[in-house]
């Protein structure tokens, strides 16, 4: 019997900056080009008012996000479980 190969995730590549990432919950910011493990982590780095058109990016580390420990640069909320970050 041959050893089973682990299925590799499909990588998505952005057209805007060429960043590559995977994961169904992963979010990429088209403004600052940072990648986040979840939409909620992405939301944490955005500030300002939608109505006043003052939305802008904050440095991910400044809002408490940490390295998601993926094979590509990605920010995560440390309050989330490892399982949520890996999905």
N, C-alpha and C. Protein backbone atom coordinates (compact mmCIF):
# COMPACT_ATOMS: atom_id res chain seq x y z
N UNK A 1 0.83 -1.19 0.00
CA UNK A 1 0.00 0.00 0.00
C UNK A 1 0.87 1.25 0.00
N UNK A 2 0.52 2.20 -0.85
CA UNK A 2 1.26 3.46 -0.90
C UNK A 2 0.77 4.41 0.18
N UNK A 3 1.63 5.30 0.54
CA UNK A 3 1.26 6.32 1.53
C UNK A 3 0.27 7.29 0.91
N UNK A 4 -0.73 7.68 1.69
CA UNK A 4 -1.70 8.66 1.22
C UNK A 4 -1.07 10.04 1.23
N UNK A 5 -1.33 10.79 0.18
CA UNK A 5 -0.84 12.15 0.12
C UNK A 5 -1.87 13.08 0.72
N UNK A 6 -1.40 14.02 1.52
CA UNK A 6 -2.29 15.01 2.10
C UNK A 6 -2.68 16.00 1.02
N UNK A 7 -3.98 16.28 0.92
CA UNK A 7 -4.46 17.22 -0.08
C UNK A 7 -4.04 18.64 0.29
N UNK A 8 -3.42 19.33 -0.65
CA UNK A 8 -2.98 20.71 -0.43
C UNK A 8 -4.12 21.67 -0.73
N UNK A 9 -4.27 22.72 0.06
CA UNK A 9 -5.34 23.69 -0.20
C UNK A 9 -5.08 24.44 -1.50
N UNK A 10 -6.15 24.82 -2.16
CA UNK A 10 -6.04 25.62 -3.37
C UNK A 10 -5.69 27.05 -2.96
N UNK A 11 -4.67 27.60 -3.59
CA UNK A 11 -4.26 28.96 -3.29
C UNK A 11 -4.98 29.93 -4.22
N UNK A 12 -5.41 31.04 -3.66
CA UNK A 12 -6.02 32.13 -4.42
C UNK A 12 -4.97 33.21 -4.59
N UNK A 13 -4.89 33.80 -5.77
CA UNK A 13 -3.93 34.87 -6.01
C UNK A 13 -4.71 36.12 -6.39
N UNK A 14 -4.41 37.23 -5.72
CA UNK A 14 -5.11 38.48 -6.02
C UNK A 14 -4.54 39.12 -7.28
N UNK A 15 -5.39 39.83 -7.99
CA UNK A 15 -4.94 40.58 -9.16
C UNK A 15 -4.30 41.90 -8.76
N UNK A 16 -4.72 42.45 -7.62
CA UNK A 16 -4.27 43.79 -7.24
C UNK A 16 -2.81 43.82 -6.77
N UNK A 17 -2.39 42.84 -6.00
CA UNK A 17 -1.03 42.89 -5.45
C UNK A 17 -0.26 41.59 -5.60
N UNK A 18 -0.92 40.54 -6.09
CA UNK A 18 -0.25 39.26 -6.28
C UNK A 18 -0.16 38.40 -5.03
N UNK A 19 -0.78 38.81 -3.94
CA UNK A 19 -0.76 38.01 -2.71
C UNK A 19 -1.46 36.68 -2.95
N UNK A 20 -0.93 35.62 -2.35
CA UNK A 20 -1.54 34.29 -2.45
C UNK A 20 -1.97 33.84 -1.06
N UNK A 21 -3.16 33.24 -0.98
CA UNK A 21 -3.68 32.76 0.30
C UNK A 21 -4.69 31.67 0.03
N UNK A 22 -5.08 30.95 1.09
CA UNK A 22 -6.08 29.90 0.97
C UNK A 22 -7.02 29.98 2.17
N UNK A 23 -8.10 29.24 2.11
CA UNK A 23 -9.05 29.18 3.21
C UNK A 23 -10.37 29.83 2.87
N UNK A 24 -11.45 29.16 3.22
CA UNK A 24 -12.78 29.68 2.91
C UNK A 24 -13.12 30.92 3.71
N UNK A 25 -12.52 31.09 4.88
CA UNK A 25 -12.83 32.23 5.74
C UNK A 25 -11.80 33.35 5.63
N UNK A 26 -10.76 33.13 4.84
CA UNK A 26 -9.68 34.10 4.72
C UNK A 26 -10.16 35.35 3.99
N UNK A 27 -9.72 36.52 4.46
CA UNK A 27 -10.10 37.80 3.85
C UNK A 27 -8.83 38.57 3.48
N UNK A 28 -8.88 39.27 2.36
CA UNK A 28 -7.75 40.08 1.91
C UNK A 28 -8.21 41.52 1.74
N UNK A 29 -7.45 42.46 2.26
CA UNK A 29 -7.82 43.87 2.18
C UNK A 29 -7.29 44.48 0.88
N UNK A 30 -8.20 45.00 0.09
CA UNK A 30 -7.79 45.61 -1.19
C UNK A 30 -7.20 47.00 -0.99
N UNK A 31 -7.31 47.55 0.21
CA UNK A 31 -6.74 48.87 0.49
C UNK A 31 -5.27 48.77 0.93
N UNK A 32 -4.99 47.94 1.94
CA UNK A 32 -3.62 47.84 2.45
C UNK A 32 -2.93 46.54 2.04
N UNK A 33 -3.68 45.63 1.43
CA UNK A 33 -3.18 44.35 0.91
C UNK A 33 -2.72 43.37 1.99
N UNK A 34 -3.21 43.53 3.20
CA UNK A 34 -2.95 42.55 4.26
C UNK A 34 -3.98 41.43 4.15
N UNK A 35 -3.61 40.23 4.61
CA UNK A 35 -4.48 39.07 4.57
C UNK A 35 -4.83 38.69 6.01
N UNK A 36 -6.10 38.26 6.21
CA UNK A 36 -6.62 37.97 7.54
C UNK A 36 -7.26 36.59 7.56
N UNK A 37 -7.17 35.91 8.71
CA UNK A 37 -7.68 34.55 8.83
C UNK A 37 -9.20 34.48 8.78
N UNK A 38 -9.88 35.55 9.16
CA UNK A 38 -11.35 35.60 9.15
C UNK A 38 -11.81 37.01 8.79
N UNK A 39 -13.07 37.12 8.43
CA UNK A 39 -13.64 38.43 8.14
C UNK A 39 -13.65 39.28 9.41
N UNK A 40 -13.88 38.67 10.57
CA UNK A 40 -13.89 39.45 11.81
C UNK A 40 -12.51 40.02 12.12
N UNK A 41 -11.45 39.29 11.81
CA UNK A 41 -10.09 39.83 11.98
C UNK A 41 -9.87 40.99 11.01
N UNK A 42 -10.34 40.83 9.77
CA UNK A 42 -10.28 41.91 8.79
C UNK A 42 -11.00 43.15 9.32
N UNK A 43 -12.22 42.95 9.83
CA UNK A 43 -13.03 44.07 10.34
C UNK A 43 -12.33 44.83 11.47
N UNK A 44 -11.56 44.10 12.31
CA UNK A 44 -10.87 44.76 13.42
C UNK A 44 -9.86 45.79 12.95
N UNK A 45 -9.30 45.61 11.75
CA UNK A 45 -8.24 46.52 11.29
C UNK A 45 -8.80 47.73 10.52
N UNK A 46 -10.12 47.77 10.34
CA UNK A 46 -10.74 48.89 9.63
C UNK A 46 -11.35 49.86 10.63
N UNK A 47 -11.22 51.15 10.37
CA UNK A 47 -11.75 52.18 11.27
C UNK A 47 -12.33 53.31 10.45
N UNK A 48 -13.07 54.17 11.11
CA UNK A 48 -13.67 55.32 10.43
C UNK A 48 -15.13 55.07 10.10
N UNK A 49 -15.77 56.08 9.57
CA UNK A 49 -17.19 56.05 9.28
C UNK A 49 -17.47 55.71 7.82
N UNK A 50 -18.44 54.81 7.62
CA UNK A 50 -18.88 54.52 6.25
C UNK A 50 -19.58 55.73 5.66
N UNK A 51 -20.42 56.37 6.46
CA UNK A 51 -21.22 57.48 5.95
C UNK A 51 -20.38 58.72 5.64
N UNK A 52 -19.32 58.94 6.38
CA UNK A 52 -18.48 60.12 6.15
C UNK A 52 -17.32 59.81 5.20
N UNK A 53 -17.31 58.58 4.67
CA UNK A 53 -16.26 58.15 3.74
C UNK A 53 -14.86 58.35 4.33
N UNK A 54 -14.72 57.95 5.58
CA UNK A 54 -13.41 58.07 6.24
C UNK A 54 -12.84 56.71 6.63
N UNK A 55 -13.30 55.64 6.00
CA UNK A 55 -12.79 54.31 6.32
C UNK A 55 -11.31 54.24 5.98
N UNK A 56 -10.54 53.61 6.87
CA UNK A 56 -9.11 53.45 6.64
C UNK A 56 -8.60 52.23 7.40
N UNK A 57 -7.40 51.82 7.06
CA UNK A 57 -6.78 50.65 7.68
C UNK A 57 -5.93 51.06 8.87
N UNK A 58 -5.95 50.22 9.90
CA UNK A 58 -5.07 50.37 11.05
C UNK A 58 -4.04 49.25 10.99
N UNK A 59 -2.85 49.45 11.52
CA UNK A 59 -1.87 48.36 11.54
C UNK A 59 -2.45 47.17 12.31
N UNK A 60 -2.44 45.97 11.72
CA UNK A 60 -3.04 44.81 12.39
C UNK A 60 -2.54 44.58 13.81
N UNK A 61 -1.25 44.72 14.05
CA UNK A 61 -0.71 44.51 15.40
C UNK A 61 -1.24 45.55 16.38
N UNK A 62 -1.54 46.74 15.90
CA UNK A 62 -2.04 47.81 16.77
C UNK A 62 -3.44 47.54 17.29
N UNK A 63 -4.19 46.66 16.60
CA UNK A 63 -5.54 46.32 17.06
C UNK A 63 -5.58 44.92 17.69
N UNK A 64 -4.40 44.38 18.04
CA UNK A 64 -4.33 43.12 18.76
C UNK A 64 -4.28 41.87 17.92
N UNK A 65 -4.12 42.00 16.61
CA UNK A 65 -4.02 40.82 15.76
C UNK A 65 -2.60 40.28 15.79
N UNK A 66 -2.46 38.98 15.56
CA UNK A 66 -1.16 38.30 15.61
C UNK A 66 -0.95 37.48 14.34
N UNK A 67 0.28 37.04 14.14
CA UNK A 67 0.62 36.19 13.00
C UNK A 67 -0.19 34.89 13.10
N UNK A 68 -0.88 34.53 12.01
CA UNK A 68 -1.72 33.33 12.00
C UNK A 68 -0.91 32.05 11.82
N UNK A 69 0.39 32.18 11.63
CA UNK A 69 1.28 31.01 11.50
C UNK A 69 0.93 30.16 10.28
N UNK A 70 0.68 30.81 9.18
CA UNK A 70 0.41 30.12 7.92
C UNK A 70 1.65 30.17 7.03
N UNK A 71 1.59 29.56 5.88
CA UNK A 71 2.73 29.56 4.96
C UNK A 71 2.84 30.86 4.18
N UNK A 72 1.94 31.78 4.41
CA UNK A 72 1.93 33.10 3.78
C UNK A 72 1.60 34.12 4.86
N UNK A 73 1.92 35.40 4.66
CA UNK A 73 1.62 36.41 5.68
C UNK A 73 0.11 36.52 5.92
N UNK A 74 -0.31 36.36 7.16
CA UNK A 74 -1.73 36.37 7.50
C UNK A 74 -1.89 36.76 8.96
N UNK A 75 -2.87 37.62 9.24
CA UNK A 75 -3.15 38.11 10.58
C UNK A 75 -4.38 37.40 11.15
N UNK A 76 -4.36 37.15 12.47
CA UNK A 76 -5.47 36.45 13.13
C UNK A 76 -5.77 37.08 14.48
N UNK A 77 -6.97 36.84 14.95
CA UNK A 77 -7.38 37.28 16.29
C UNK A 77 -6.95 36.19 17.27
N UNK A 78 -6.08 36.50 18.24
CA UNK A 78 -5.61 35.46 19.16
C UNK A 78 -6.72 34.88 20.03
N UNK A 79 -7.86 35.55 20.11
CA UNK A 79 -8.98 35.04 20.91
C UNK A 79 -9.67 33.86 20.22
N UNK A 80 -9.44 33.70 18.92
CA UNK A 80 -10.05 32.59 18.19
C UNK A 80 -9.26 31.32 18.45
N UNK A 81 -9.92 30.18 18.33
CA UNK A 81 -9.24 28.91 18.54
C UNK A 81 -8.36 28.59 17.35
N UNK A 82 -7.40 27.70 17.55
CA UNK A 82 -6.52 27.27 16.45
C UNK A 82 -7.33 26.68 15.30
N UNK A 83 -8.39 25.97 15.61
CA UNK A 83 -9.22 25.37 14.58
C UNK A 83 -9.86 26.45 13.71
N UNK A 84 -10.36 27.51 14.31
CA UNK A 84 -10.97 28.60 13.55
C UNK A 84 -9.94 29.30 12.68
N UNK A 85 -8.73 29.48 13.19
CA UNK A 85 -7.67 30.15 12.43
C UNK A 85 -7.25 29.30 11.24
N UNK A 86 -7.17 27.98 11.42
CA UNK A 86 -6.69 27.10 10.36
C UNK A 86 -7.73 26.88 9.26
N UNK A 87 -8.98 27.13 9.52
CA UNK A 87 -10.04 26.86 8.53
C UNK A 87 -9.98 27.79 7.34
